[in-house]
Amino acid sequence: VMQAEARTTRHLAALRTLEALRAHAADTGTLPESLEEITVVPVPNNPATGLPFEYRRDGDGAELLDYGFAKYSWNHYQIRLAQ
């Protein structure tokens, strides 16, 4: 049960980070180079590690990696801006 709660908390923080990316893109017209550039809303850290989520800019899109306590427990999110 505790692991399920931790996964849910981590998942919600990742979704909040994705929404922060979308808000930044709506405000500036582009995705940030790093999560630190986002100032329009707070960006949560990964609750499993206490560190920022792993984020990589990739051309007109980006990816967010959501690692849990173990590398086998992760989610991969991609975000692309519409043309």
N, C-alpha and C. Protein backbone atom coordinates (compact mmCIF):
# COMPACT_ATOMS: atom_id res chain seq x y z
N VAL A 1 0.83 -1.19 0.00
CA VAL A 1 0.00 0.00 0.00
C VAL A 1 0.87 1.25 0.00
N MET A 2 1.95 1.23 0.76
CA MET A 2 2.83 2.39 0.81
C MET A 2 3.50 2.64 -0.54
N GLN A 3 3.85 1.57 -1.25
CA GLN A 3 4.46 1.73 -2.57
C GLN A 3 3.45 2.31 -3.56
N ALA A 4 2.21 1.89 -3.46
CA ALA A 4 1.17 2.43 -4.33
C ALA A 4 0.97 3.92 -4.06
N GLU A 5 0.99 4.30 -2.79
CA GLU A 5 0.87 5.72 -2.44
C GLU A 5 2.06 6.52 -2.99
N ALA A 6 3.26 5.97 -2.89
CA ALA A 6 4.45 6.65 -3.40
C ALA A 6 4.38 6.79 -4.92
N ARG A 7 3.92 5.75 -5.62
CA ARG A 7 3.79 5.82 -7.08
C ARG A 7 2.77 6.89 -7.48
N THR A 8 1.66 6.95 -6.76
CA THR A 8 0.62 7.94 -7.06
C THR A 8 1.14 9.35 -6.82
N THR A 9 1.83 9.57 -5.72
CA THR A 9 2.39 10.89 -5.42
C THR A 9 3.40 11.30 -6.49
N ARG A 10 4.24 10.35 -6.91
CA ARG A 10 5.24 10.62 -7.94
C ARG A 10 4.56 10.93 -9.27
N HIS A 11 3.53 10.16 -9.61
CA HIS A 11 2.80 10.36 -10.86
C HIS A 11 2.14 11.74 -10.89
N LEU A 12 1.51 12.14 -9.80
CA LEU A 12 0.87 13.45 -9.73
C LEU A 12 1.89 14.58 -9.86
N ALA A 13 3.05 14.43 -9.25
CA ALA A 13 4.10 15.44 -9.37
C ALA A 13 4.60 15.52 -10.82
N ALA A 14 4.71 14.39 -11.49
CA ALA A 14 5.11 14.38 -12.90
C ALA A 14 4.06 15.09 -13.76
N LEU A 15 2.79 14.84 -13.49
CA LEU A 15 1.73 15.51 -14.25
C LEU A 15 1.74 17.01 -13.99
N ARG A 16 2.01 17.42 -12.76
CA ARG A 16 2.12 18.85 -12.45
C ARG A 16 3.29 19.47 -13.21
N THR A 17 4.38 18.71 -13.35
CA THR A 17 5.54 19.20 -14.10
C THR A 17 5.19 19.34 -15.58
N LEU A 18 4.47 18.37 -16.11
CA LEU A 18 4.03 18.46 -17.51
C LEU A 18 3.13 19.68 -17.73
N GLU A 19 2.24 19.93 -16.80
CA GLU A 19 1.37 21.11 -16.92
C GLU A 19 2.18 22.40 -16.80
N ALA A 20 3.24 22.39 -15.99
CA ALA A 20 4.12 23.55 -15.89
C ALA A 20 4.83 23.79 -17.22
N LEU A 21 5.23 22.70 -17.90
CA LEU A 21 5.85 22.82 -19.22
C LEU A 21 4.86 23.42 -20.21
N ARG A 22 3.62 22.97 -20.16
CA ARG A 22 2.59 23.50 -21.06
C ARG A 22 2.32 24.97 -20.77
N ALA A 23 2.27 25.34 -19.50
CA ALA A 23 2.03 26.74 -19.14
C ALA A 23 3.19 27.62 -19.60
N HIS A 24 4.41 27.13 -19.45
CA HIS A 24 5.58 27.88 -19.91
C HIS A 24 5.51 28.07 -21.43
N ALA A 25 5.17 27.01 -22.15
CA ALA A 25 5.07 27.10 -23.61
C ALA A 25 3.96 28.06 -24.03
N ALA A 26 2.85 28.05 -23.32
CA ALA A 26 1.76 28.98 -23.63
C ALA A 26 2.18 30.42 -23.38
N ASP A 27 3.00 30.63 -22.36
CA ASP A 27 3.45 31.97 -21.99
C ASP A 27 4.55 32.49 -22.91
N THR A 28 5.47 31.61 -23.32
CA THR A 28 6.65 32.04 -24.08
C THR A 28 6.65 31.60 -25.54
N GLY A 29 5.83 30.63 -25.89
CA GLY A 29 5.81 30.12 -27.25
C GLY A 29 6.79 29.00 -27.52
N THR A 30 7.54 28.61 -26.51
CA THR A 30 8.52 27.55 -26.68
C THR A 30 8.70 26.77 -25.38
N LEU A 31 9.20 25.56 -25.50
CA LEU A 31 9.51 24.77 -24.31
C LEU A 31 10.82 25.25 -23.72
N PRO A 32 10.99 25.15 -22.42
CA PRO A 32 12.23 25.60 -21.80
C PRO A 32 13.39 24.65 -22.08
N GLU A 33 14.60 25.16 -21.98
CA GLU A 33 15.79 24.31 -22.10
C GLU A 33 15.97 23.47 -20.84
N SER A 34 15.51 23.99 -19.70
CA SER A 34 15.60 23.25 -18.43
C SER A 34 14.38 23.59 -17.58
N LEU A 35 14.11 22.76 -16.60
CA LEU A 35 12.96 23.00 -15.72
C LEU A 35 13.15 24.25 -14.88
N GLU A 36 14.39 24.67 -14.65
CA GLU A 36 14.67 25.86 -13.86
C GLU A 36 14.19 27.13 -14.55
N GLU A 37 14.02 27.09 -15.86
CA GLU A 37 13.55 28.26 -16.60
C GLU A 37 12.08 28.56 -16.37
N ILE A 38 11.33 27.61 -15.87
CA ILE A 38 9.88 27.78 -15.69
C ILE A 38 9.65 28.65 -14.47
N THR A 39 9.00 29.79 -14.70
CA THR A 39 8.71 30.71 -13.59
C THR A 39 7.22 31.02 -13.47
N VAL A 40 6.43 30.60 -14.45
CA VAL A 40 5.01 30.94 -14.46
C VAL A 40 4.23 30.18 -13.37
N VAL A 41 4.66 28.99 -13.03
CA VAL A 41 4.06 28.19 -11.95
C VAL A 41 5.17 27.41 -11.24
N PRO A 42 4.94 26.97 -10.02
CA PRO A 42 5.95 26.15 -9.33
C PRO A 42 6.11 24.79 -10.01
N VAL A 43 7.33 24.29 -10.02
CA VAL A 43 7.63 22.98 -10.60
C VAL A 43 8.05 22.06 -9.45
N PRO A 44 7.30 20.99 -9.21
CA PRO A 44 7.64 20.10 -8.09
C PRO A 44 8.86 19.23 -8.41
N ASN A 45 9.54 18.82 -7.37
CA ASN A 45 10.61 17.83 -7.50
C ASN A 45 9.99 16.44 -7.51
N ASN A 46 10.78 15.48 -7.93
CA ASN A 46 10.38 14.08 -7.86
C ASN A 46 10.33 13.68 -6.39
N PRO A 47 9.16 13.34 -5.86
CA PRO A 47 9.06 13.01 -4.44
C PRO A 47 9.85 11.75 -4.04
N ALA A 48 10.16 10.90 -5.00
CA ALA A 48 10.92 9.68 -4.69
C ALA A 48 12.38 9.99 -4.43
N THR A 49 12.90 11.04 -5.08
CA THR A 49 14.32 11.36 -4.94
C THR A 49 14.58 12.69 -4.27
N GLY A 50 13.58 13.57 -4.27
CA GLY A 50 13.77 14.91 -3.74
C GLY A 50 14.49 15.83 -4.71
N LEU A 51 14.79 15.33 -5.90
CA LEU A 51 15.50 16.09 -6.93
C LEU A 51 14.54 16.42 -8.06
N PRO A 52 14.90 17.38 -8.93
CA PRO A 52 14.05 17.64 -10.08
C PRO A 52 13.93 16.40 -10.97
N PHE A 53 12.81 16.31 -11.67
CA PHE A 53 12.64 15.24 -12.64
C PHE A 53 13.70 15.40 -13.73
N GLU A 54 14.07 14.29 -14.35
CA GLU A 54 15.00 14.35 -15.47
C GLU A 54 14.24 14.86 -16.68
N TYR A 55 14.76 15.91 -17.30
CA TYR A 55 14.09 16.58 -18.42
C TYR A 55 15.11 16.79 -19.53
N ARG A 56 14.69 16.51 -20.76
CA ARG A 56 15.56 16.72 -21.92
C ARG A 56 14.77 17.40 -23.02
N ARG A 57 15.31 18.48 -23.52
CA ARG A 57 14.72 19.18 -24.67
C ARG A 57 15.18 18.46 -25.92
N ASP A 58 14.27 18.29 -26.87
CA ASP A 58 14.58 17.54 -28.09
C ASP A 58 13.92 18.24 -29.27
N GLY A 59 14.60 19.21 -29.87
CA GLY A 59 14.04 19.93 -31.01
C GLY A 59 12.79 20.69 -30.63
N ASP A 60 11.65 20.37 -31.27
CA ASP A 60 10.39 21.04 -30.96
C ASP A 60 9.63 20.35 -29.83
N GLY A 61 10.24 19.38 -29.20
CA GLY A 61 9.60 18.66 -28.11
C GLY A 61 10.54 18.45 -26.95
N ALA A 62 10.08 17.67 -26.02
CA ALA A 62 10.89 17.37 -24.84
C ALA A 62 10.42 16.06 -24.24
N GLU A 63 11.22 15.52 -23.37
CA GLU A 63 10.81 14.31 -22.64
C GLU A 63 11.11 14.49 -21.16
N LEU A 64 10.26 13.90 -20.37
CA LEU A 64 10.37 13.94 -18.92
C LEU A 64 10.44 12.50 -18.45
N LEU A 65 11.46 12.19 -17.66
CA LEU A 65 11.63 10.84 -17.12
C LEU A 65 11.29 10.87 -15.64
N ASP A 66 10.45 9.97 -15.25
CA ASP A 66 9.94 9.89 -13.88
C ASP A 66 10.46 8.60 -13.26
N TYR A 67 11.64 8.69 -12.64
CA TYR A 67 12.22 7.52 -11.98
C TYR A 67 11.72 7.41 -10.56
N GLY A 68 11.46 6.19 -10.15
CA GLY A 68 11.08 5.93 -8.78
C GLY A 68 12.32 5.58 -7.97
N PHE A 69 12.14 4.77 -6.97
CA PHE A 69 13.26 4.37 -6.13
C PHE A 69 14.17 3.39 -6.86
N ALA A 70 13.64 2.72 -7.86
CA ALA A 70 14.43 1.77 -8.64
C ALA A 70 14.30 2.13 -10.12
N LYS A 71 15.34 1.93 -10.89
CA LYS A 71 15.33 2.29 -12.30
C LYS A 71 14.28 1.51 -13.10
N TYR A 72 13.83 0.36 -12.60
CA TYR A 72 12.81 -0.39 -13.32
C TYR A 72 11.42 0.19 -13.10
N SER A 73 11.29 1.10 -12.17
CA SER A 73 10.01 1.71 -11.85
C SER A 73 10.01 3.14 -12.36
N TRP A 74 9.68 3.32 -13.65
CA TRP A 74 9.73 4.66 -14.20
C TRP A 74 8.69 4.85 -15.30
N ASN A 75 8.42 6.12 -15.59
CA ASN A 75 7.53 6.50 -16.67
C ASN A 75 8.26 7.48 -17.57
N HIS A 76 7.92 7.45 -18.83
CA HIS A 76 8.55 8.31 -19.82
C HIS A 76 7.44 9.12 -20.49
N TYR A 77 7.52 10.44 -20.41
CA TYR A 77 6.51 11.31 -21.00
C TYR A 77 7.16 12.13 -22.12
N GLN A 78 6.45 12.30 -23.22
CA GLN A 78 6.91 13.15 -24.31
C GLN A 78 5.91 14.27 -24.52
N ILE A 79 6.42 15.44 -24.79
CA ILE A 79 5.56 16.59 -25.07
C ILE A 79 6.09 17.27 -26.33
N ARG A 80 5.19 17.57 -27.24
CA ARG A 80 5.52 18.25 -28.50
C ARG A 80 4.59 19.43 -28.66
N LEU A 81 5.12 20.50 -29.20
CA LEU A 81 4.29 21.66 -29.46
C LEU A 81 3.59 21.49 -30.79
N ALA A 82 2.33 21.86 -30.84
CA ALA A 82 1.57 21.80 -32.09
C ALA A 82 2.07 22.88 -33.03
N GLN A 83 2.07 22.58 -34.29
CA GLN A 83 2.53 23.55 -35.29
C GLN A 83 1.39 24.45 -35.71
